[in-house]
N, C-alpha and C. Protein backbone atom coordinates (compact mmCIF):
# COMPACT_ATOMS: atom_id res chain seq x y z
N UNK A 1 0.41 -1.52 -0.40
CA UNK A 1 -0.16 -0.18 -0.11
C UNK A 1 0.92 1.41 0.14
N UNK A 2 2.42 1.11 1.56
CA UNK A 2 2.41 2.61 0.70
C UNK A 2 3.68 2.53 -0.80
N UNK A 3 4.16 2.16 -1.22
CA UNK A 3 4.14 1.86 -1.92
C UNK A 3 3.37 2.51 -4.07
N UNK A 4 2.81 2.12 -2.85
CA UNK A 4 2.07 2.93 -4.41
C UNK A 4 1.21 3.79 -3.95
N UNK A 5 0.95 4.63 -2.78
CA UNK A 5 0.71 6.05 -2.45
C UNK A 5 2.77 6.47 -2.07
N UNK A 6 3.37 5.89 -2.35
CA UNK A 6 4.61 7.21 -2.64
C UNK A 6 4.47 6.66 -4.55
N UNK A 7 4.21 5.90 -5.48
CA UNK A 7 4.24 6.44 -7.08
C UNK A 7 3.66 7.31 -7.48
N UNK A 8 2.10 7.31 -6.75
CA UNK A 8 0.77 8.42 -6.31
C UNK A 8 2.05 9.69 -6.44
N UNK A 9 2.54 9.76 -4.59
CA UNK A 9 3.13 10.75 -5.48
C UNK A 9 3.95 11.33 -6.91
N UNK A 10 4.25 10.21 -6.35
CA UNK A 10 5.22 10.75 -7.29
C UNK A 10 4.81 11.49 -8.65
N UNK A 11 4.00 10.57 -9.50
CA UNK A 11 3.14 10.96 -11.04
C UNK A 11 2.64 12.67 -10.44
N UNK A 12 2.00 12.84 -8.90
CA UNK A 12 1.63 13.65 -8.46
C UNK A 12 2.33 15.46 -9.45
N UNK A 13 3.96 14.60 -8.58
CA UNK A 13 5.06 16.45 -8.65
C UNK A 13 5.12 15.25 -10.73
N UNK A 14 5.24 14.72 -10.99
CA UNK A 14 6.13 15.20 -12.43
C UNK A 14 4.92 16.19 -13.36
N UNK A 15 3.31 14.95 -12.99
CA UNK A 15 2.14 16.20 -14.07
C UNK A 15 2.53 17.55 -13.96
N UNK A 16 3.05 18.09 -11.74
CA UNK A 16 2.33 19.42 -11.69
C UNK A 16 4.26 20.53 -12.21
N UNK A 17 5.07 19.71 -12.56
CA UNK A 17 6.02 19.73 -13.23
C UNK A 17 6.31 20.36 -14.08
N UNK A 18 5.56 19.24 -14.63
CA UNK A 18 5.59 19.33 -16.55
C UNK A 18 4.42 20.10 -17.02
N UNK A 19 3.30 20.43 -15.77
CA UNK A 19 1.91 21.80 -16.23
C UNK A 19 2.55 22.45 -16.04
N UNK A 20 3.51 23.50 -14.99
CA UNK A 20 4.00 24.04 -14.32
C UNK A 20 5.07 25.11 -15.58
N UNK A 21 5.69 24.23 -16.32
CA UNK A 21 6.26 24.65 -17.41
C UNK A 21 5.52 25.32 -19.01
N UNK A 22 4.55 24.27 -18.86
CA UNK A 22 3.62 25.15 -19.48
C UNK A 22 2.93 25.97 -19.45
N UNK A 23 2.83 26.10 -18.07
CA UNK A 23 1.75 27.88 -17.71
C UNK A 23 3.24 28.76 -18.05
N UNK A 24 4.34 28.59 -18.06
CA UNK A 24 5.26 29.30 -17.84
C UNK A 24 5.58 29.32 -19.42
N UNK A 25 5.36 28.87 -19.95
CA UNK A 25 5.65 29.07 -21.26
C UNK A 25 4.73 29.79 -22.28
N UNK A 26 3.45 29.39 -21.38
CA UNK A 26 2.53 30.67 -21.96
C UNK A 26 2.52 32.13 -21.48
N UNK A 27 2.95 31.72 -20.53
CA UNK A 27 2.90 33.71 -20.37
C UNK A 27 4.16 33.83 -21.12
N UNK A 28 4.77 33.53 -21.31
CA UNK A 28 6.38 34.02 -21.83
C UNK A 28 5.97 33.94 -22.99
N UNK A 29 5.49 33.28 -23.47
CA UNK A 29 5.08 33.79 -25.98
C UNK A 29 3.67 35.27 -24.94
N UNK A 30 3.21 34.79 -24.65
CA UNK A 30 2.20 36.20 -23.72
C UNK A 30 3.30 37.42 -24.32
N UNK A 31 3.81 37.08 -23.09
CA UNK A 31 4.62 38.67 -22.71
C UNK A 31 5.28 38.98 -24.71
N UNK A 32 6.11 38.13 -24.76
CA UNK A 32 6.25 38.30 -25.85
C UNK A 32 5.56 39.19 -27.31
N UNK A 33 4.78 38.25 -27.93
CA UNK A 33 3.17 38.70 -28.31
C UNK A 33 2.98 40.39 -27.23
N UNK A 34 3.05 40.48 -26.45
CA UNK A 34 2.20 41.94 -25.62
C UNK A 34 4.13 43.20 -26.16
N UNK A 35 4.70 43.02 -26.08
CA UNK A 35 6.67 42.91 -26.89
C UNK A 35 5.90 43.51 -28.36
N UNK A 36 5.94 42.62 -28.50
CA UNK A 36 5.90 43.07 -30.08
C UNK A 36 4.89 43.72 -30.55
N UNK A 37 3.76 43.70 -29.98
CA UNK A 37 3.41 44.44 -30.34
C UNK A 37 3.14 46.09 -29.75
N UNK A 38 3.46 46.07 -28.29
CA UNK A 38 4.40 47.69 -28.34
C UNK A 38 5.53 48.35 -29.21
N UNK A 39 5.77 47.09 -30.19
CA UNK A 39 6.65 47.89 -30.18
C UNK A 39 6.75 48.69 -32.98
N UNK A 40 5.45 47.85 -32.77
CA UNK A 40 4.73 47.79 -33.94
C UNK A 40 4.61 46.63 -34.89
N UNK A 41 5.65 45.19 -34.43
CA UNK A 41 5.47 44.05 -34.85
C UNK A 41 4.49 43.00 -35.23
N UNK A 42 4.26 42.75 -34.45
CA UNK A 42 2.34 42.06 -34.36
C UNK A 42 1.54 43.84 -34.50
N UNK A 43 0.06 43.26 -35.00
CA UNK A 43 -0.92 44.13 -35.06
C UNK A 43 -2.30 43.38 -34.94
N UNK A 44 -3.20 43.86 -34.36
CA UNK A 44 -4.39 43.09 -34.32
C UNK A 44 -4.97 43.20 -35.97
N UNK A 45 -5.07 41.87 -35.87
CA UNK A 45 -6.22 40.68 -36.66
C UNK A 45 -7.93 42.42 -36.24
N UNK A 46 -8.45 42.61 -37.44
CA UNK A 46 -9.72 43.19 -36.68
C UNK A 46 -10.59 43.28 -37.53
N UNK A 47 -10.82 41.41 -36.56
CA UNK A 47 -12.38 41.43 -36.95
C UNK A 47 -12.16 40.57 -35.42
N UNK A 48 -11.37 39.38 -34.99
CA UNK A 48 -11.25 38.99 -33.79
C UNK A 48 -9.82 39.32 -32.85
N UNK A 49 -9.84 40.85 -33.13
CA UNK A 49 -8.90 40.84 -32.41
C UNK A 49 -7.20 40.51 -31.62
N UNK A 50 -6.78 39.38 -32.65
CA UNK A 50 -6.32 38.12 -32.63
C UNK A 50 -4.32 39.14 -32.72
N UNK A 51 -3.10 39.46 -32.48
CA UNK A 51 -2.11 39.59 -32.89
C UNK A 51 -1.48 38.90 -33.61
N UNK A 52 -1.20 39.41 -35.36
CA UNK A 52 -0.59 38.76 -36.25
C UNK A 52 0.53 39.02 -37.01
N UNK A 53 1.77 38.84 -37.63
CA UNK A 53 2.75 39.47 -38.08
C UNK A 53 2.06 40.75 -38.61
N UNK A 54 3.55 41.31 -38.60
CA UNK A 54 2.71 43.06 -39.80
C UNK A 54 2.75 42.06 -41.02
N UNK A 55 3.77 41.43 -41.18
CA UNK A 55 3.75 40.49 -43.00
C UNK A 55 3.41 39.21 -43.24
N UNK A 56 2.51 39.24 -41.85
CA UNK A 56 1.90 38.10 -42.31
C UNK A 56 0.90 38.11 -44.39
N UNK A 57 0.67 37.21 -44.55
CA UNK A 57 0.22 36.06 -45.71
C UNK A 57 -1.08 37.27 -46.40
N UNK A 58 -2.04 36.45 -44.96
CA UNK A 58 -3.11 37.26 -45.68
C UNK A 58 -3.95 38.97 -45.10
N UNK A 59 -4.25 38.93 -46.51
CA UNK A 59 -4.33 40.57 -46.20
C UNK A 59 -5.11 41.25 -47.29
N UNK A 60 -5.60 42.64 -46.79
CA UNK A 60 -6.26 42.68 -47.23
C UNK A 60 -5.70 44.12 -47.94
N UNK A 61 -6.05 45.45 -48.99
CA UNK A 61 -5.44 46.28 -49.67
C UNK A 61 -6.69 46.71 -49.73
N UNK A 62 -7.04 48.28 -48.72
CA UNK A 62 -8.55 48.91 -48.39
C UNK A 62 -8.03 50.86 -48.80
N UNK A 63 -7.37 50.47 -50.15
CA UNK A 63 -7.25 52.33 -50.81
C UNK A 63 -5.50 52.29 -50.03
N UNK A 64 -5.01 53.40 -48.83
CA UNK A 64 -3.68 53.29 -48.32
C UNK A 64 -3.59 51.98 -47.95
N UNK A 65 -4.63 51.49 -46.86
CA UNK A 65 -4.48 50.59 -46.11
C UNK A 65 -4.25 49.19 -46.16
N UNK A 66 -3.38 48.79 -45.38
CA UNK A 66 -2.97 46.60 -46.15
C UNK A 66 -3.99 46.42 -44.65
N UNK A 67 -5.23 45.64 -44.34
CA UNK A 67 -5.60 45.10 -43.64
C UNK A 67 -4.20 43.43 -42.66
N UNK A 68 -4.50 43.19 -42.11
CA UNK A 68 -3.77 40.99 -42.09
C UNK A 68 -4.03 40.94 -40.99
N UNK A 69 -5.00 40.06 -41.40
CA UNK A 69 -6.26 39.09 -40.99
C UNK A 69 -5.14 37.37 -39.89
N UNK A 70 -5.51 36.74 -39.08
CA UNK A 70 -5.73 35.75 -38.38
C UNK A 70 -5.20 34.46 -39.20
N UNK A 71 -6.33 34.72 -40.04
CA UNK A 71 -7.11 33.56 -40.93
C UNK A 71 -7.62 33.44 -42.03
N UNK A 72 -8.36 33.31 -43.21
CA UNK A 72 -9.53 33.48 -43.83
C UNK A 72 -10.58 33.20 -43.60
N UNK A 73 -10.88 32.74 -42.34
CA UNK A 73 -12.17 33.15 -41.37
C UNK A 73 -12.48 34.60 -42.20
N UNK A 74 -11.84 35.38 -41.36
CA UNK A 74 -11.50 36.22 -40.20
C UNK A 74 -11.66 37.12 -41.95
N UNK A 75 -11.01 37.46 -42.81
CA UNK A 75 -10.71 37.80 -43.89
C UNK A 75 -11.32 37.37 -44.28
N UNK A 76 -11.88 37.32 -44.89
CA UNK A 76 -14.49 37.08 -45.35
C UNK A 76 -15.32 37.69 -44.84
N UNK A 77 -14.73 37.43 -42.60
CA UNK A 77 -16.43 38.38 -42.29
C UNK A 77 -15.69 40.24 -42.97
N UNK A 78 -14.34 39.67 -43.00
CA UNK A 78 -14.30 42.03 -43.25
C UNK A 78 -14.56 41.45 -44.15
N UNK A 79 -14.07 41.12 -45.21
CA UNK A 79 -14.28 41.76 -47.10
C UNK A 79 -16.44 41.24 -47.27
N UNK A 80 -16.78 40.20 -45.91
CA UNK A 80 -18.37 40.21 -46.19
C UNK A 80 -19.18 42.02 -45.53
N UNK A 81 -18.07 42.70 -44.94
CA UNK A 81 -18.56 44.00 -44.06
C UNK A 81 -18.02 44.71 -44.54
N UNK A 82 -17.71 45.26 -45.20
CA UNK A 82 -16.68 45.60 -46.80
C UNK A 82 -17.51 46.36 -48.18
N UNK A 83 -18.08 44.50 -48.30
CA UNK A 83 -19.49 44.18 -48.97
C UNK A 83 -20.60 45.43 -49.28
N UNK A 84 -21.43 44.62 -47.29
CA UNK A 84 -22.48 45.19 -46.70
C UNK A 84 -22.08 47.13 -46.94
N UNK A 85 -21.44 47.23 -46.07
CA UNK A 85 -20.65 49.07 -46.33
C UNK A 85 -21.35 49.46 -47.20
N UNK A 86 -20.36 48.80 -48.40
CA UNK A 86 -20.53 49.48 -49.64
C UNK A 86 -21.51 49.25 -50.03
N UNK A 87 -22.36 48.22 -50.35
CA UNK A 87 -23.61 48.37 -50.65
C UNK A 87 -24.37 50.04 -49.80
N UNK A 88 -24.48 49.15 -48.63
CA UNK A 88 -25.50 50.23 -48.58
C UNK A 88 -25.30 52.03 -48.27
N UNK A 89 -23.64 52.77 -48.16
CA UNK A 89 -23.59 53.48 -48.71
C UNK A 89 -23.57 54.10 -50.59
N UNK A 90 -24.05 52.41 -51.10
CA UNK A 90 -24.56 52.60 -52.51
C UNK A 90 -25.92 53.07 -52.72
N UNK A 91 -26.39 52.58 -52.08
CA UNK A 91 -28.32 52.98 -52.01
C UNK A 91 -28.89 53.99 -50.67
N UNK A 92 -27.41 55.53 -50.02
CA UNK A 92 -28.11 56.37 -50.06
C UNK A 92 -28.05 57.12 -51.53
């Protein structure tokens, strides 16, 4: 019985060690994203608010502005909103 208790405690400690490391990595990643956003290397996706690299591949040029998106889904939503806005302004 003592053997199972010792093994259980050891497994729990190993689990906590790995989970603590995962949480630290996530916190470090969040700090890097904040730092890049502050320096202008990353910009906010106008649809979902996710920070993406400034030179990302999924982009839409609107006049002089270039919008960068995290996914094609966000880009498509933005294009639908842009199209709806254009249609509504044409009706006026």
